């Protein structure tokens, strides 16, 4: 049940950010749920592989390259999900930063519900 709530909260964050950011678009609420699921799967499967392959660059940049990896994950989700559009890597970077921030706020509300 907690996983479903986390996905729904992530979808809510995606919808809110698509309304705020002009470079990001989501066609419907169902698309936002699919985006949340795809982002979860990409973060679980693809992100660790990208981190391992780019470890030297990540170490040299003191971890700042992880922001670029997050933007790449967003662009991968853009290419996989019809109805989800991100216009550039800069919008993907801003979207990933704001999505992480918004998710941390929403997930902290979920933890207080125990």
N, C-alpha and C. Protein backbone atom coordinates (compact mmCIF):
# COMPACT_ATOMS: atom_id res chain seq x y z
N UNK A 1 0.82 -1.19 0.00
CA UNK A 1 0.00 0.00 0.00
C UNK A 1 0.87 1.26 0.00
N UNK A 2 1.98 1.20 0.73
CA UNK A 2 2.87 2.36 0.80
C UNK A 2 3.50 2.64 -0.56
N UNK A 3 3.81 1.59 -1.32
CA UNK A 3 4.38 1.77 -2.65
C UNK A 3 3.40 2.49 -3.58
N UNK A 4 2.14 2.12 -3.50
CA UNK A 4 1.11 2.76 -4.34
C UNK A 4 0.97 4.23 -3.96
N UNK A 5 1.01 4.52 -2.66
CA UNK A 5 0.92 5.92 -2.24
C UNK A 5 2.13 6.72 -2.70
N UNK A 6 3.31 6.11 -2.65
CA UNK A 6 4.51 6.81 -3.12
C UNK A 6 4.43 7.09 -4.62
N UNK A 7 3.92 6.14 -5.39
CA UNK A 7 3.78 6.35 -6.83
C UNK A 7 2.76 7.45 -7.11
N UNK A 8 1.65 7.43 -6.38
CA UNK A 8 0.63 8.46 -6.57
C UNK A 8 1.16 9.85 -6.17
N UNK A 9 1.94 9.90 -5.10
CA UNK A 9 2.53 11.19 -4.71
C UNK A 9 3.55 11.66 -5.73
N UNK A 10 4.30 10.74 -6.29
CA UNK A 10 5.25 11.10 -7.35
C UNK A 10 4.50 11.61 -8.58
N UNK A 11 3.40 10.96 -8.91
CA UNK A 11 2.58 11.40 -10.05
C UNK A 11 2.01 12.80 -9.79
N UNK A 12 1.60 13.04 -8.56
CA UNK A 12 1.11 14.37 -8.20
C UNK A 12 2.22 15.41 -8.37
N UNK A 13 3.43 15.06 -7.95
CA UNK A 13 4.57 15.98 -8.11
C UNK A 13 4.86 16.24 -9.58
N UNK A 14 4.76 15.20 -10.42
CA UNK A 14 4.99 15.36 -11.85
C UNK A 14 3.95 16.30 -12.45
N UNK A 15 2.69 16.15 -12.06
CA UNK A 15 1.63 17.01 -12.58
C UNK A 15 1.85 18.45 -12.14
N UNK A 16 2.16 18.65 -10.87
CA UNK A 16 2.38 20.01 -10.36
C UNK A 16 3.54 20.68 -11.09
N UNK A 17 4.64 19.95 -11.27
CA UNK A 17 5.80 20.54 -11.95
C UNK A 17 5.54 20.78 -13.43
N UNK A 18 4.71 19.94 -14.05
CA UNK A 18 4.40 20.18 -15.46
C UNK A 18 3.53 21.42 -15.63
N UNK A 19 2.76 21.76 -14.61
CA UNK A 19 1.97 22.99 -14.67
C UNK A 19 2.85 24.23 -14.44
N UNK A 20 3.90 24.07 -13.64
CA UNK A 20 4.75 25.20 -13.29
C UNK A 20 5.82 25.47 -14.36
N UNK A 21 6.48 24.41 -14.81
CA UNK A 21 7.60 24.56 -15.74
C UNK A 21 7.11 24.55 -17.19
N UNK A 22 7.44 25.57 -17.97
CA UNK A 22 6.96 25.61 -19.35
C UNK A 22 7.66 24.61 -20.28
N UNK A 23 8.82 24.10 -19.91
CA UNK A 23 9.54 23.16 -20.76
C UNK A 23 9.17 21.71 -20.52
N UNK A 24 8.22 21.47 -19.61
CA UNK A 24 7.82 20.11 -19.27
C UNK A 24 6.31 19.99 -19.46
N UNK A 25 5.88 18.90 -20.09
CA UNK A 25 4.46 18.71 -20.31
C UNK A 25 4.01 17.29 -20.05
N UNK A 26 2.83 17.16 -19.46
CA UNK A 26 2.21 15.86 -19.24
C UNK A 26 0.78 15.97 -19.75
N UNK A 27 0.37 14.99 -20.57
CA UNK A 27 -0.95 15.07 -21.21
C UNK A 27 -2.10 14.81 -20.24
N UNK A 28 -1.95 13.84 -19.34
CA UNK A 28 -3.07 13.48 -18.47
C UNK A 28 -2.54 12.96 -17.13
N UNK A 29 -3.46 12.73 -16.21
CA UNK A 29 -3.08 12.18 -14.91
C UNK A 29 -2.61 10.74 -15.04
N UNK A 30 -3.22 10.00 -15.95
CA UNK A 30 -2.77 8.62 -16.18
C UNK A 30 -1.34 8.60 -16.71
N UNK A 31 -1.03 9.54 -17.58
CA UNK A 31 0.34 9.65 -18.08
C UNK A 31 1.30 9.98 -16.94
N UNK A 32 0.87 10.82 -16.01
CA UNK A 32 1.73 11.17 -14.87
C UNK A 32 2.00 9.94 -14.00
N UNK A 33 1.01 9.08 -13.84
CA UNK A 33 1.22 7.85 -13.07
C UNK A 33 2.19 6.94 -13.79
N UNK A 34 2.06 6.85 -15.11
CA UNK A 34 2.99 6.03 -15.90
C UNK A 34 4.40 6.61 -15.81
N UNK A 35 4.52 7.94 -15.86
CA UNK A 35 5.82 8.59 -15.73
C UNK A 35 6.44 8.27 -14.37
N UNK A 36 5.64 8.31 -13.32
CA UNK A 36 6.15 8.00 -11.98
C UNK A 36 6.64 6.56 -11.90
N UNK A 37 5.92 5.64 -12.51
CA UNK A 37 6.33 4.24 -12.51
C UNK A 37 7.61 4.05 -13.32
N UNK A 38 7.66 4.67 -14.50
CA UNK A 38 8.85 4.54 -15.36
C UNK A 38 10.07 5.17 -14.69
N UNK A 39 9.90 6.33 -14.06
CA UNK A 39 11.01 6.95 -13.36
C UNK A 39 11.50 6.08 -12.21
N UNK A 40 10.58 5.44 -11.50
CA UNK A 40 10.97 4.54 -10.42
C UNK A 40 11.78 3.36 -10.96
N UNK A 41 11.31 2.78 -12.06
CA UNK A 41 12.04 1.65 -12.64
C UNK A 41 13.40 2.07 -13.19
N UNK A 42 13.46 3.23 -13.85
CA UNK A 42 14.74 3.70 -14.38
C UNK A 42 15.73 4.02 -13.25
N UNK A 43 15.22 4.62 -12.17
CA UNK A 43 16.09 4.90 -11.03
C UNK A 43 16.57 3.62 -10.36
N UNK A 44 15.77 2.57 -10.43
CA UNK A 44 16.13 1.30 -9.81
C UNK A 44 17.09 0.48 -10.67
N UNK A 45 16.90 0.51 -11.99
CA UNK A 45 17.66 -0.36 -12.88
C UNK A 45 18.80 0.38 -13.59
N UNK A 46 18.50 1.48 -14.25
CA UNK A 46 19.47 2.15 -15.12
C UNK A 46 20.43 3.06 -14.35
N UNK A 47 19.92 3.77 -13.36
CA UNK A 47 20.74 4.74 -12.65
C UNK A 47 21.99 4.12 -12.01
N UNK A 48 21.89 2.98 -11.32
CA UNK A 48 23.12 2.39 -10.75
C UNK A 48 24.16 2.03 -11.81
N UNK A 49 23.70 1.58 -12.97
CA UNK A 49 24.63 1.25 -14.06
C UNK A 49 25.33 2.51 -14.56
N UNK A 50 24.56 3.59 -14.73
CA UNK A 50 25.16 4.86 -15.16
C UNK A 50 26.14 5.40 -14.13
N UNK A 51 25.82 5.24 -12.86
CA UNK A 51 26.71 5.72 -11.80
C UNK A 51 28.03 4.95 -11.83
N UNK A 52 27.95 3.65 -12.03
CA UNK A 52 29.18 2.84 -12.08
C UNK A 52 30.03 3.23 -13.28
N UNK A 53 29.40 3.41 -14.45
CA UNK A 53 30.16 3.76 -15.65
C UNK A 53 30.78 5.15 -15.57
N UNK A 54 30.13 6.06 -14.86
CA UNK A 54 30.62 7.44 -14.80
C UNK A 54 31.27 7.76 -13.46
N UNK A 55 31.67 6.75 -12.73
CA UNK A 55 32.25 6.96 -11.41
C UNK A 55 33.48 7.89 -11.41
N UNK A 56 34.42 7.74 -12.34
CA UNK A 56 35.56 8.68 -12.32
C UNK A 56 35.15 10.14 -12.50
N UNK A 57 34.22 10.39 -13.41
CA UNK A 57 33.76 11.77 -13.63
C UNK A 57 33.01 12.27 -12.40
N UNK A 58 32.23 11.39 -11.78
CA UNK A 58 31.49 11.77 -10.59
C UNK A 58 32.43 12.12 -9.44
N UNK A 59 33.50 11.37 -9.31
CA UNK A 59 34.48 11.65 -8.25
C UNK A 59 35.19 12.96 -8.53
N UNK A 60 35.59 13.19 -9.77
CA UNK A 60 36.30 14.43 -10.12
C UNK A 60 35.41 15.66 -9.89
N UNK A 61 34.13 15.54 -10.16
CA UNK A 61 33.21 16.67 -10.00
C UNK A 61 32.58 16.72 -8.60
N UNK A 62 33.11 15.90 -7.69
CA UNK A 62 32.60 15.85 -6.31
C UNK A 62 31.11 15.54 -6.24
N UNK A 63 30.63 14.68 -7.13
CA UNK A 63 29.25 14.22 -7.11
C UNK A 63 28.28 15.07 -7.91
N UNK A 64 28.73 16.19 -8.44
CA UNK A 64 27.82 17.06 -9.19
C UNK A 64 27.36 16.42 -10.50
N UNK A 65 28.13 15.47 -11.02
CA UNK A 65 27.73 14.80 -12.25
C UNK A 65 26.47 13.96 -12.04
N UNK A 66 26.14 13.65 -10.79
CA UNK A 66 24.91 12.91 -10.51
C UNK A 66 23.67 13.72 -10.93
N UNK A 67 23.79 15.04 -10.92
CA UNK A 67 22.69 15.87 -11.42
C UNK A 67 22.46 15.64 -12.91
N UNK A 68 23.53 15.49 -13.66
CA UNK A 68 23.42 15.21 -15.09
C UNK A 68 22.82 13.81 -15.30
N UNK A 69 23.22 12.86 -14.47
CA UNK A 69 22.65 11.51 -14.58
C UNK A 69 21.15 11.56 -14.31
N UNK A 70 20.72 12.34 -13.33
CA UNK A 70 19.28 12.49 -13.07
C UNK A 70 18.56 13.10 -14.27
N UNK A 71 19.18 14.09 -14.91
CA UNK A 71 18.57 14.69 -16.10
C UNK A 71 18.49 13.68 -17.24
N UNK A 72 19.51 12.84 -17.37
CA UNK A 72 19.48 11.79 -18.41
C UNK A 72 18.36 10.80 -18.14
N UNK A 73 18.13 10.46 -16.89
CA UNK A 73 17.03 9.56 -16.52
C UNK A 73 15.69 10.20 -16.91
N UNK A 74 15.54 11.50 -16.67
CA UNK A 74 14.31 12.20 -17.05
C UNK A 74 14.13 12.18 -18.56
N UNK A 75 15.21 12.41 -19.31
CA UNK A 75 15.12 12.38 -20.77
C UNK A 75 14.83 10.97 -21.29
N UNK A 76 15.34 9.94 -20.61
CA UNK A 76 14.98 8.57 -20.98
C UNK A 76 13.49 8.32 -20.77
N UNK A 77 12.96 8.81 -19.66
CA UNK A 77 11.53 8.67 -19.42
C UNK A 77 10.73 9.42 -20.46
N UNK A 78 11.25 10.57 -20.90
CA UNK A 78 10.60 11.34 -21.96
C UNK A 78 10.51 10.53 -23.24
N UNK A 79 11.58 9.81 -23.56
CA UNK A 79 11.57 9.03 -24.80
C UNK A 79 10.75 7.76 -24.68
N UNK A 80 10.54 7.26 -23.47
CA UNK A 80 9.80 6.01 -23.29
C UNK A 80 8.29 6.21 -23.14
N UNK A 81 7.87 7.34 -22.62
CA UNK A 81 6.46 7.56 -22.31
C UNK A 81 5.87 8.57 -23.29
N UNK A 82 4.87 8.13 -24.04
CA UNK A 82 4.13 9.06 -24.90
C UNK A 82 3.26 9.95 -24.02
N UNK A 83 3.23 11.23 -24.32
CA UNK A 83 2.43 12.15 -23.53
C UNK A 83 3.24 12.86 -22.47
N UNK A 84 4.52 12.56 -22.36
CA UNK A 84 5.41 13.25 -21.43
C UNK A 84 6.50 13.90 -22.26
N UNK A 85 6.63 15.22 -22.16
CA UNK A 85 7.58 15.95 -22.98
C UNK A 85 8.49 16.80 -22.10
N UNK A 86 9.77 16.72 -22.37
CA UNK A 86 10.77 17.61 -21.77
C UNK A 86 11.55 18.20 -22.93
N UNK A 87 11.60 19.54 -23.00
CA UNK A 87 12.11 20.17 -24.21
C UNK A 87 13.63 20.18 -24.31
N UNK A 88 14.36 20.17 -23.19
CA UNK A 88 15.82 20.19 -23.27
C UNK A 88 16.42 19.58 -22.01
N UNK A 89 17.73 19.41 -22.05
CA UNK A 89 18.40 18.84 -20.88
C UNK A 89 18.36 19.82 -19.70
N UNK A 90 18.29 21.12 -19.99
CA UNK A 90 18.23 22.10 -18.91
C UNK A 90 16.90 22.03 -18.18
N UNK A 91 15.82 21.83 -18.95
CA UNK A 91 14.51 21.64 -18.30
C UNK A 91 14.48 20.32 -17.54
N UNK A 92 15.14 19.30 -18.08
CA UNK A 92 15.21 18.01 -17.39
C UNK A 92 15.99 18.15 -16.09
N UNK A 93 17.06 18.93 -16.11
CA UNK A 93 17.85 19.15 -14.90
C UNK A 93 17.03 19.88 -13.83
N UNK A 94 16.36 20.95 -14.24
CA UNK A 94 15.52 21.69 -13.30
C UNK A 94 14.36 20.84 -12.80
N UNK A 95 13.74 20.08 -13.71
CA UNK A 95 12.65 19.19 -13.34
C UNK A 95 13.11 18.15 -12.33
N UNK A 96 14.29 17.56 -12.54
CA UNK A 96 14.76 16.53 -11.61
C UNK A 96 15.07 17.11 -10.24
N UNK A 97 15.64 18.32 -10.20
CA UNK A 97 15.91 18.97 -8.92
C UNK A 97 14.62 19.27 -8.16
N UNK A 98 13.67 19.87 -8.86
CA UNK A 98 12.41 20.22 -8.22
C UNK A 98 11.59 18.98 -7.86
N UNK A 99 11.66 17.94 -8.70
CA UNK A 99 10.94 16.71 -8.41
C UNK A 99 11.50 16.05 -7.14
N UNK A 100 12.80 16.02 -7.01
CA UNK A 100 13.41 15.46 -5.80
C UNK A 100 13.00 16.24 -4.56
N UNK A 101 13.01 17.55 -4.68
CA UNK A 101 12.62 18.40 -3.55
C UNK A 101 11.16 18.18 -3.18
N UNK A 102 10.28 18.19 -4.17
CA UNK A 102 8.86 18.01 -3.92
C UNK A 102 8.55 16.62 -3.39
N UNK A 103 9.22 15.60 -3.93
CA UNK A 103 9.01 14.25 -3.44
C UNK A 103 9.46 14.11 -1.99
N UNK A 104 10.56 14.74 -1.62
CA UNK A 104 11.02 14.65 -0.23
C UNK A 104 10.00 15.27 0.72
N UNK A 105 9.39 16.37 0.30
CA UNK A 105 8.35 16.99 1.13
C UNK A 105 7.13 16.08 1.23
N UNK A 106 6.67 15.56 0.09
CA UNK A 106 5.47 14.71 0.10
C UNK A 106 5.71 13.39 0.83
N UNK A 107 6.89 12.80 0.65
CA UNK A 107 7.18 11.53 1.32
C UNK A 107 7.35 11.73 2.82
N UNK A 108 7.80 12.91 3.25
CA UNK A 108 7.91 13.16 4.69
C UNK A 108 6.51 13.25 5.31
N UNK A 109 5.55 13.75 4.56
CA UNK A 109 4.16 13.75 5.04
C UNK A 109 3.63 12.34 5.17
N UNK A 110 4.07 11.46 4.27
CA UNK A 110 3.65 10.06 4.31
C UNK A 110 4.22 9.35 5.55
N UNK A 111 5.43 9.68 5.94
CA UNK A 111 6.06 9.06 7.10
C UNK A 111 5.36 9.46 8.39
N UNK A 112 4.82 10.69 8.44
CA UNK A 112 4.13 11.15 9.64
C UNK A 112 2.78 10.47 9.81
N UNK A 113 2.28 9.81 8.79
CA UNK A 113 0.98 9.15 8.85
C UNK A 113 0.98 7.84 9.61
N UNK A 114 2.14 7.35 10.03
CA UNK A 114 2.24 6.04 10.70
C UNK A 114 1.27 5.87 11.76
